[in-house]
Protein backbone atom coordinates (compact mmCIF):
# COMPACT_ATOMS: atom_id res chain seq x y z
CA MET A 1 125.46 75.65 132.89
CA ARG A 2 125.31 79.40 132.22
CA ILE A 3 123.18 80.26 129.21
CA ALA A 4 122.03 83.78 128.36
CA VAL A 5 118.86 84.52 126.44
CA ILE A 6 119.28 87.65 124.33
CA GLY A 7 115.89 89.29 124.08
CA ILE A 8 113.56 92.05 125.18
CA PRO A 9 112.82 92.02 128.92
CA GLY A 10 109.05 92.04 129.28
CA GLY A 11 108.54 90.69 125.75
CA TRP A 12 106.32 87.62 125.60
CA SER A 13 108.61 85.32 123.61
CA SER A 14 111.80 86.48 125.32
CA GLU A 15 110.37 85.83 128.77
CA ALA A 16 108.99 82.45 127.65
CA LEU A 17 112.39 81.34 126.38
CA ALA A 18 114.17 82.60 129.50
CA ASP A 19 111.68 80.63 131.63
CA ALA A 20 112.25 77.48 129.59
CA VAL A 21 116.03 77.77 129.92
CA ALA A 22 115.68 78.34 133.68
CA ARG A 23 113.59 75.18 134.05
CA ALA A 24 116.18 73.18 132.13
CA THR A 25 119.34 74.58 133.71
CA GLY A 26 118.34 76.14 137.03
CA ARG A 27 119.62 79.57 135.94
CA ARG A 28 117.69 82.47 134.39
CA LEU A 29 119.62 85.11 132.47
CA LEU A 30 117.62 87.38 130.13
CA LEU A 31 119.85 90.11 128.68
CA ASP A 32 119.16 93.22 126.60
CA LEU A 33 121.70 94.07 123.88
CA GLY A 34 120.88 97.73 124.42
CA SER A 35 123.19 97.53 127.44
CA ALA A 36 126.00 95.69 125.62
CA ARG A 37 129.63 96.89 125.60
CA LEU A 38 132.29 95.29 123.42
CA ASP A 39 135.85 95.53 124.71
CA MET A 40 138.02 94.21 121.90
CA ALA A 41 141.24 94.59 123.87
CA SER A 42 140.07 92.13 126.52
CA GLY A 43 137.96 90.04 124.15
CA SER A 44 134.79 90.61 126.16
CA VAL A 45 131.21 91.63 125.51
CA PHE A 46 129.52 92.82 128.69
CA CYS A 47 125.72 92.83 128.81
CA ALA A 48 123.07 93.18 131.51
CA GLY A 49 119.39 92.71 132.16
CA PRO A 50 117.05 94.77 134.32
CA GLY A 51 118.50 95.03 137.83
CA GLN A 52 121.39 92.70 136.96
CA GLU A 53 125.13 93.20 137.00
CA PRO A 54 126.76 93.00 133.55
CA VAL A 55 128.05 89.58 132.55
CA ASP A 56 130.67 88.74 129.94
CA LEU A 57 128.90 86.88 127.14
CA CYS A 58 132.24 85.47 126.02
CA ARG A 59 132.51 83.50 129.28
CA LEU A 60 129.11 81.81 129.06
CA ASP A 61 128.41 78.26 127.97
CA ALA A 62 125.97 79.38 125.27
CA VAL A 63 123.81 82.24 124.02
CA PHE A 64 120.24 81.83 122.80
CA ILE A 65 119.19 84.68 120.50
CA LYS A 66 115.47 85.43 120.70
CA LYS A 67 115.31 89.15 119.88
CA ALA A 68 118.28 91.31 118.92
CA ALA A 69 116.33 94.60 119.13
CA PRO A 70 112.79 95.84 119.80
CA GLN A 71 112.28 96.60 116.09
CA TYR A 72 114.06 95.91 112.82
CA SER A 73 116.51 98.68 111.89
CA PRO A 74 120.08 99.03 110.61
CA ASP A 75 121.08 99.23 114.29
CA MET A 76 120.11 95.57 114.63
CA LEU A 77 122.93 94.68 112.22
CA ASP A 78 125.42 96.31 114.58
CA ARG A 79 123.98 94.45 117.57
CA LEU A 80 124.30 91.17 115.70
CA GLU A 81 127.94 92.01 114.96
CA LEU A 82 128.53 92.09 118.73
CA LEU A 83 127.06 88.60 118.93
CA ARG A 84 129.18 87.52 115.97
CA PHE A 85 132.18 88.54 118.04
CA VAL A 86 130.88 86.38 120.89
CA ALA A 87 130.46 83.42 118.52
CA GLY A 88 133.95 84.05 117.15
CA ARG A 89 135.31 83.75 120.69
CA GLY A 90 134.00 80.19 120.75
CA VAL A 91 130.62 80.60 122.49
CA PRO A 92 127.89 78.51 120.79
CA CYS A 93 125.03 80.75 119.66
CA PHE A 94 121.57 79.56 118.66
CA SER A 95 121.02 80.63 115.94
CA ASP A 96 124.43 81.65 114.63
CA PRO A 97 124.40 85.48 114.40
CA SER A 98 126.30 85.42 111.09
CA LEU A 99 123.31 83.52 109.63
CA ILE A 100 120.73 85.83 111.21
CA LEU A 101 122.52 88.83 109.69
CA ARG A 102 121.40 87.69 106.23
CA LEU A 103 117.73 87.99 107.23
CA VAL A 104 117.45 91.38 108.89
CA ASP A 105 117.65 93.39 105.66
CA ARG A 106 114.59 92.56 103.53
CA LEU A 107 116.58 92.98 100.32
CA SER A 108 119.32 90.59 101.44
CA CYS A 109 116.71 87.98 102.34
CA SER A 110 114.86 88.42 99.03
CA VAL A 111 118.04 88.18 96.95
CA THR A 112 118.95 84.92 98.69
CA LEU A 113 115.47 83.49 98.13
CA SER A 114 115.38 84.57 94.48
CA LEU A 115 118.80 83.08 93.72
CA ALA A 116 117.61 79.83 95.31
CA GLY A 117 114.69 79.74 92.84
CA LEU A 118 111.90 80.44 95.34
CA PRO A 119 108.70 82.07 94.03
CA LEU A 120 108.52 85.68 95.25
CA PRO A 121 105.75 88.16 94.44
CA PRO A 122 106.73 90.41 91.51
CA THR A 123 109.26 92.77 93.10
CA THR A 124 111.21 95.86 92.02
CA ILE A 125 114.12 97.52 93.81
CA ALA A 126 114.93 101.09 92.79
CA GLU A 127 116.44 104.31 94.08
CA ASP A 128 115.13 106.49 91.25
CA VAL A 129 111.52 107.69 91.68
CA ASP A 130 110.82 107.53 87.93
CA CYS A 131 111.92 103.90 87.79
CA ALA A 132 109.81 103.14 90.85
CA LEU A 133 106.81 104.89 89.28
CA ASP A 134 107.09 102.78 86.13
CA ALA A 135 107.06 99.63 88.27
CA VAL A 136 104.07 100.75 90.34
CA LEU A 137 102.06 101.69 87.25
CA GLY A 138 102.86 98.28 85.78
CA TYR A 139 101.71 96.50 88.95
CA GLY A 140 98.54 98.58 89.33
CA ARG A 141 98.50 98.02 93.09
CA ALA A 142 101.75 97.80 94.98
CA VAL A 143 103.05 97.61 98.54
CA LEU A 144 106.00 99.83 99.42
CA LYS A 145 108.10 98.12 102.09
CA PRO A 146 110.95 99.52 104.22
CA LEU A 147 114.04 97.32 104.11
CA PHE A 148 114.07 97.05 107.89
CA THR A 149 110.65 96.32 109.30
CA SER A 150 108.35 93.65 110.70
CA LYS A 151 104.61 93.24 111.25
CA ALA A 152 103.93 95.53 108.26
CA ARG A 153 105.21 98.61 110.13
CA GLY A 154 105.91 101.47 107.74
CA MET A 155 104.46 99.67 104.72
CA VAL A 156 102.28 101.62 102.28
CA LEU A 157 99.62 100.28 99.92
CA LEU A 158 99.67 102.28 96.69
CA ASP A 159 96.77 101.81 94.28
CA ALA A 160 98.24 103.53 91.23
CA ALA A 161 95.48 102.25 88.97
CA ALA A 162 92.88 104.12 91.04
CA GLN A 163 94.93 107.14 92.11
CA GLY A 164 96.63 107.94 88.81
CA ARG A 165 100.19 108.76 87.85
CA ASP A 166 100.53 112.15 89.57
CA ALA A 167 99.12 111.00 92.89
CA ALA A 168 101.26 107.84 92.75
CA ARG A 169 104.38 109.97 92.25
CA VAL A 170 103.54 112.02 95.34
CA VAL A 171 103.21 108.86 97.45
CA LEU A 172 106.49 107.49 96.10
CA GLU A 173 108.34 110.76 96.74
CA ARG A 174 107.07 110.78 100.31
CA PHE A 175 108.15 107.15 100.81
CA HIS A 176 111.49 107.83 99.12
CA ALA A 177 112.27 110.62 101.58
CA SER A 178 112.80 108.06 104.35
CA ASN A 179 113.59 104.99 102.19
CA ARG A 180 116.40 105.78 99.77
CA VAL A 181 116.33 102.22 98.39
CA MET A 182 112.69 101.47 97.58
CA TYR A 183 111.43 97.89 97.85
CA ILE A 184 108.24 97.64 95.78
CA GLN A 185 106.10 94.53 95.55
CA GLN A 186 102.96 93.88 93.57
CA ALA A 187 99.98 93.71 95.92
CA LEU A 188 98.48 90.22 95.98
CA ASP A 189 95.06 88.95 96.96
CA LEU A 190 95.99 87.11 100.15
CA ARG A 191 92.49 85.66 100.55
CA GLY A 192 92.42 87.25 103.98
CA GLN A 193 95.39 85.35 105.40
CA ASP A 194 99.03 84.44 105.12
CA LEU A 195 100.97 81.62 106.75
CA GLY A 196 103.88 81.18 109.13
CA VAL A 197 105.49 77.79 108.42
CA CYS A 198 107.93 76.92 111.20
CA PHE A 199 110.93 74.63 111.54
CA LEU A 200 113.21 73.60 114.40
CA GLY A 201 116.48 72.95 112.65
CA ALA A 202 115.41 70.86 109.65
CA GLU A 203 112.32 69.48 111.43
CA TYR A 204 108.89 70.81 110.49
CA LEU A 205 107.03 71.97 113.60
CA GLY A 206 103.73 73.42 112.46
CA THR A 207 101.93 76.21 110.66
CA TYR A 208 99.76 79.06 111.82
CA ALA A 209 97.74 81.54 109.79
CA ARG A 210 97.53 85.27 110.35
CA ARG A 211 93.95 86.09 109.43
CA LYS A 212 92.34 89.43 108.77
CA GLN A 213 89.35 89.69 111.08
CA PRO A 214 85.79 90.57 110.03
CA GLY A 215 85.19 94.25 110.55
CA ALA A 216 88.84 95.16 109.99
CA GLY A 217 87.67 97.75 107.47
CA GLU A 218 90.01 98.72 104.67
CA SER A 219 93.11 97.25 106.28
CA TRP A 220 94.97 95.25 103.63
CA SER A 221 97.44 93.62 106.01
CA THR A 222 96.92 90.39 107.95
CA SER A 223 99.55 91.43 110.52
CA THR A 224 98.59 91.13 114.17
CA GLU A 225 99.61 94.79 114.48
CA SER A 226 96.76 95.57 112.05
CA GLY A 227 94.14 93.49 113.86
CA GLY A 228 94.97 90.09 112.38
CA ARG A 229 94.62 87.00 114.57
CA TYR A 230 96.46 83.69 114.75
CA ALA A 231 94.67 80.50 113.72
CA ALA A 232 95.76 76.90 113.21
CA PHE A 233 96.38 75.81 109.62
CA ASP A 234 97.11 72.40 108.15
CA PRO A 235 99.06 73.00 104.92
CA PRO A 236 99.39 70.49 102.12
CA ALA A 237 102.72 68.72 101.75
CA GLU A 238 103.78 70.88 98.82
CA ILE A 239 103.54 74.06 100.93
CA ILE A 240 105.67 72.51 103.67
CA ALA A 241 108.19 71.46 101.01
CA LEU A 242 108.23 74.99 99.56
CA ALA A 243 108.84 76.52 102.99
CA ASP A 244 111.57 73.96 103.64
CA ARG A 245 113.32 75.04 100.42
CA ALA A 246 113.12 78.65 101.63
CA ARG A 247 114.56 77.69 105.03
CA GLN A 248 117.56 75.78 103.75
CA PRO A 249 119.80 78.63 102.44
CA PHE A 250 119.82 80.22 105.92
CA GLY A 251 120.46 77.18 108.15
CA LEU A 252 118.91 78.57 111.35
CA ASP A 253 118.07 76.65 114.50
CA PHE A 254 114.53 78.06 114.37
CA THR A 255 112.94 79.43 111.22
CA CYS A 256 109.56 80.93 110.35
CA VAL A 257 108.78 81.16 106.62
CA ASP A 258 106.02 83.55 105.55
CA VAL A 259 103.99 82.05 102.71
CA ALA A 260 100.98 83.46 100.84
CA LEU A 261 98.44 81.31 99.00
CA THR A 262 97.05 83.17 95.97
CA ASP A 263 95.14 82.44 92.78
CA SER A 264 98.51 82.57 90.99
CA GLY A 265 100.00 79.96 93.29
CA PRO A 266 102.01 80.13 96.52
CA TYR A 267 104.61 82.83 97.12
CA VAL A 268 107.29 83.20 99.77
CA PHE A 269 107.36 86.65 101.35
CA GLU A 270 110.29 86.33 103.74
CA VAL A 271 112.16 84.15 106.23
CA SER A 272 112.47 85.13 109.89
CA ALA A 273 114.73 84.07 112.74
CA PHE A 274 112.68 85.90 115.37
CA GLY A 275 108.96 85.32 114.74
CA GLY A 276 106.76 82.29 115.23
CA PHE A 277 106.89 81.50 118.95
CA LYS A 278 103.63 83.21 119.86
CA GLY A 279 101.82 82.22 116.66
CA LEU A 280 102.52 78.52 117.18
CA LYS A 281 101.61 78.71 120.87
CA GLU A 282 98.29 80.54 120.41
CA ALA A 283 97.18 78.78 117.23
CA CYS A 284 98.57 75.27 117.64
CA GLY A 285 99.43 74.87 121.32
CA ILE A 286 103.08 74.22 120.43
CA ASP A 287 105.54 75.42 123.09
CA VAL A 288 108.48 76.43 120.93
CA ALA A 289 110.43 77.79 123.90
CA GLU A 290 110.62 74.30 125.46
CA LEU A 291 111.39 72.63 122.13
CA PHE A 292 114.03 75.19 121.19
CA THR A 293 115.74 74.84 124.59
CA ALA A 294 115.84 71.05 124.32
CA HIS A 295 117.13 71.28 120.73
CA ALA A 296 119.95 73.68 121.69
CA LEU A 297 120.94 71.65 124.74
CA ARG A 298 121.21 68.52 122.55
CA ARG A 299 123.41 70.48 120.15
CA LEU A 300 125.58 71.64 123.05
CA LYS A 301 125.99 68.08 124.26
CA LEU A 302 127.09 66.97 120.81
CA LEU A 303 129.51 69.88 120.56
CA GLY A 304 130.99 68.87 123.91
CA GLN A 305 131.46 65.31 122.73
CA GLU A 306 133.19 66.51 119.55
CA ARG A 307 135.71 68.73 121.36
CA PRO A 308 139.06 67.14 122.22
CA ALA A 309 139.58 66.42 125.92
């Protein structure tokens, strides 16, 4: 069976998933979408890994999508469109790229969660700086978030209550210069941590916390990029149920739901198709790569049984 793992060669989770697939199938194929070439005339998508000859993804038995790009950006949407072409040619993809597409843009994800009735932190979307300034002044403290980002990269904490209107406008204008659509969220007291609640299909796997470490100074983020560390966490049933509600509109094969516990109650920040492997492994000892591989292989077997001979 020929299965490609789409990921980042050298990346921890991509390599772990490629290793798990190799143990299960006897073949190891880790491919980087940065090398992909779509030939619509022939109905092929050629892609290669380091030191490998290009292979046609449309002739494989399946594609496992671990990472579509090194970082979130609008370019990731285009890469996922290439994989949507592969899926449209009949190659099973885990998760379906058309479902992942709804998660890459923070605004798209938030709109889906809001329409499903999930509790989000107070959030404003605006292109006009004056409108954004009104929202920030109303929040007092706000986090400005790029629409395409992960691990808090590019996010800005704006304390308008302390800095005042004029200084807040300057910060917003600077942010607006590279973020035409501004995503503004009221800053919450995260109690030093937020949670990653993970599911394999509809099955709850486990939860890890990202915790701000003592001595992290003025850093407001719990992200591991900002010095946060993974720790095991045993959430109450109502938090698992909340995360499950957030997972359902997207229907992924693996889902990580970011949840914050605050004095005002729990909030859902976002849903991810890419995170969670390392957090569960380091904090809980759960090998998601092995579980994901077994899950996808079971799905493939069922798909084979359902196809006419």
